[in-house]
Amino acid sequence: MQEPRLKKSQATPEMMSAINALYKEAHSAGVPGATLELVHLRASQINGCAPCVDSGARSAKKSGMSDERLFSVAVWRETPYFTDAERAALALAEAATRLADRPDAVPDEIWDAAAKHFNEKELGAIVLWIAVTNFFNRINVTTRQQAPQNWG
């Protein structure tokens, strides 16, 4: 295991205030909490962000998400555990996280599927939450942050 390059404790109160404002905005638009938890977890898995996968799975579990759903987020297309709305949000999270993987990063098909389940305000919140998750993933991966070792 590699040592972190920066300590998280170096974050200023101003940074934390800005981050909290983004969190509140994304979570205030009416998108089900479980959907946001899934989006966060899937983007974090793609980006290999150990602390975000760890905290995301713990948060989802604490809020009542089943083990079956948690264990199968990475293979959501091949399991029966997710609603059509959650599937649309997961597809959007994958596309928006893997922007460089295709010429049309977020094809109309993916956007339109999400728009069938979420209104404009909710879509904006999901996109914001994907961006915030990717923001944290990039900081954590770049600075080699580790998942906590308090399993038990």
Protein backbone atom coordinates (compact mmCIF):
# COMPACT_ATOMS: atom_id res chain seq x y z
CA MET A 1 0.00 0.00 0.00
CA GLN A 2 1.36 3.39 -0.97
CA GLU A 3 1.59 6.33 1.39
CA PRO A 4 -0.78 9.27 0.74
CA ARG A 5 0.88 12.25 -0.94
CA LEU A 6 -1.21 14.81 0.97
CA LYS A 7 -3.11 14.70 4.22
CA LYS A 8 -6.85 15.26 3.97
CA SER A 9 -6.58 17.34 7.11
CA GLN A 10 -4.95 20.06 4.98
CA ALA A 11 -8.35 21.07 3.57
CA THR A 12 -9.31 24.58 4.60
CA PRO A 13 -12.70 25.49 6.06
CA GLU A 14 -13.42 27.40 2.85
CA MET A 15 -12.80 24.28 0.75
CA MET A 16 -15.07 22.23 2.98
CA SER A 17 -17.78 24.89 2.80
CA ALA A 18 -17.70 24.86 -1.01
CA ILE A 19 -17.80 21.06 -1.10
CA ASN A 20 -20.71 20.96 1.35
CA ALA A 21 -22.65 23.45 -0.79
CA LEU A 22 -22.27 21.19 -3.85
CA TYR A 23 -23.32 18.16 -1.81
CA LYS A 24 -26.43 19.91 -0.50
CA GLU A 25 -27.41 21.15 -3.95
CA ALA A 26 -27.10 17.71 -5.54
CA HIS A 27 -29.09 16.10 -2.72
CA SER A 28 -31.89 18.68 -2.64
CA ALA A 29 -33.39 18.19 -6.10
CA GLY A 30 -35.61 15.21 -5.31
CA VAL A 31 -33.47 12.41 -6.73
CA PRO A 32 -33.85 9.34 -4.52
CA GLY A 33 -30.91 8.98 -2.16
CA ALA A 34 -30.35 5.39 -3.26
CA THR A 35 -29.92 6.54 -6.86
CA LEU A 36 -27.28 9.08 -5.85
CA GLU A 37 -25.53 6.44 -3.74
CA LEU A 38 -25.41 4.08 -6.74
CA VAL A 39 -24.12 6.80 -9.07
CA HIS A 40 -21.38 7.71 -6.58
CA LEU A 41 -20.37 4.09 -6.06
CA ARG A 42 -20.25 3.24 -9.77
CA ALA A 43 -18.20 6.29 -10.78
CA SER A 44 -15.83 5.63 -7.88
CA GLN A 45 -15.41 2.00 -8.95
CA ILE A 46 -14.56 3.07 -12.50
CA ASN A 47 -12.00 5.58 -11.23
CA GLY A 48 -10.44 3.16 -8.74
CA CYS A 49 -11.01 5.47 -5.79
CA ALA A 50 -10.67 3.25 -2.72
CA PRO A 51 -11.85 5.76 -0.09
CA CYS A 52 -14.89 6.71 -2.17
CA VAL A 53 -15.83 3.09 -2.91
CA ASP A 54 -15.42 2.29 0.77
CA SER A 55 -17.39 5.29 2.05
CA GLY A 56 -19.99 4.96 -0.70
CA ALA A 57 -20.67 1.30 0.06
CA ARG A 58 -20.82 1.98 3.80
CA SER A 59 -23.17 4.91 3.33
CA ALA A 60 -25.46 2.94 1.02
CA LYS A 61 -25.50 0.00 3.45
CA LYS A 62 -26.26 2.32 6.37
CA SER A 63 -29.17 3.84 4.46
CA GLY A 64 -30.66 0.38 3.92
CA MET A 65 -29.34 -0.78 0.56
CA SER A 66 -29.29 -4.57 0.26
CA ASP A 67 -26.10 -6.56 -0.02
CA GLU A 68 -27.26 -7.91 -3.40
CA ARG A 69 -27.49 -4.40 -4.83
CA LEU A 70 -24.19 -3.30 -3.31
CA PHE A 71 -22.30 -6.37 -4.47
CA SER A 72 -23.58 -6.06 -8.03
CA VAL A 73 -23.19 -2.35 -8.81
CA ALA A 74 -20.17 -3.08 -11.02
CA VAL A 75 -22.27 -5.53 -13.07
CA TRP A 76 -25.62 -3.73 -12.86
CA ARG A 77 -26.57 -4.59 -16.45
CA GLU A 78 -26.48 -8.32 -15.72
CA THR A 79 -28.52 -8.32 -12.50
CA PRO A 80 -32.21 -7.86 -11.65
CA TYR A 81 -31.63 -5.64 -8.60
CA PHE A 82 -32.01 -2.17 -10.12
CA THR A 83 -35.00 -0.18 -11.32
CA ASP A 84 -35.16 1.25 -14.82
CA ALA A 85 -34.55 4.73 -13.38
CA GLU A 86 -31.48 3.51 -11.49
CA ARG A 87 -30.18 1.79 -14.62
CA ALA A 88 -30.57 5.02 -16.57
CA ALA A 89 -28.69 6.95 -13.87
CA LEU A 90 -25.94 4.31 -13.76
CA ALA A 91 -25.53 4.43 -17.55
CA LEU A 92 -25.31 8.23 -17.37
CA ALA A 93 -22.74 7.99 -14.56
CA GLU A 94 -20.59 5.60 -16.58
CA ALA A 95 -20.72 7.72 -19.73
CA ALA A 96 -20.04 11.00 -17.90
CA THR A 97 -17.16 9.39 -16.01
CA ARG A 98 -15.58 7.86 -19.13
CA LEU A 99 -15.75 10.98 -21.30
CA ALA A 100 -12.79 10.05 -23.51
CA ASP A 101 -13.95 6.52 -24.29
CA ARG A 102 -16.10 7.43 -27.30
CA PRO A 103 -16.47 10.30 -29.79
CA ASP A 104 -19.91 11.22 -28.43
CA ALA A 105 -19.14 10.98 -24.72
CA VAL A 106 -22.77 10.96 -23.58
CA PRO A 107 -24.87 9.76 -26.53
CA ASP A 108 -28.48 10.90 -26.91
CA GLU A 109 -29.62 7.35 -26.20
CA ILE A 110 -28.12 7.49 -22.69
CA TRP A 111 -29.32 11.03 -21.99
CA ASP A 112 -32.82 10.32 -23.32
CA ALA A 113 -33.12 7.19 -21.18
CA ALA A 114 -32.29 9.22 -18.08
CA ALA A 115 -34.68 12.01 -19.16
CA LYS A 116 -37.53 9.47 -19.23
CA HIS A 117 -37.12 8.97 -15.48
CA PHE A 118 -35.89 12.31 -14.16
CA ASN A 119 -37.04 15.88 -14.70
CA GLU A 120 -34.63 18.66 -15.64
CA LYS A 121 -33.85 19.64 -12.06
CA GLU A 122 -33.20 16.01 -11.12
CA LEU A 123 -31.01 15.46 -14.19
CA GLY A 124 -29.02 18.54 -13.25
CA ALA A 125 -28.56 17.15 -9.75
CA ILE A 126 -27.43 13.76 -11.07
CA VAL A 127 -24.92 15.40 -13.43
CA LEU A 128 -23.68 17.58 -10.56
CA TRP A 129 -23.33 14.52 -8.31
CA ILE A 130 -21.40 12.64 -11.01
CA ALA A 131 -19.09 15.65 -11.38
CA VAL A 132 -18.60 15.97 -7.60
CA THR A 133 -17.87 12.26 -7.34
CA ASN A 134 -15.33 12.46 -10.17
CA PHE A 135 -13.80 15.52 -8.49
CA PHE A 136 -13.28 13.59 -5.25
CA ASN A 137 -12.08 10.51 -7.11
CA ARG A 138 -9.43 12.48 -8.94
CA ILE A 139 -8.18 14.20 -5.81
CA ASN A 140 -8.09 10.96 -3.83
CA VAL A 141 -6.44 8.89 -6.55
CA THR A 142 -3.90 11.60 -7.41
CA THR A 143 -2.92 12.06 -3.76
CA ARG A 144 -3.05 8.30 -3.05
CA GLN A 145 -5.66 8.47 -0.33
CA GLN A 146 -6.45 5.12 1.25
CA ALA A 147 -9.66 3.54 2.44
CA PRO A 148 -9.83 3.53 6.23
CA GLN A 149 -8.64 0.39 7.96
CA ASN A 150 -11.40 0.19 10.52
CA TRP A 151 -13.19 -2.87 9.19
CA GLY A 152 -14.99 -5.02 11.63
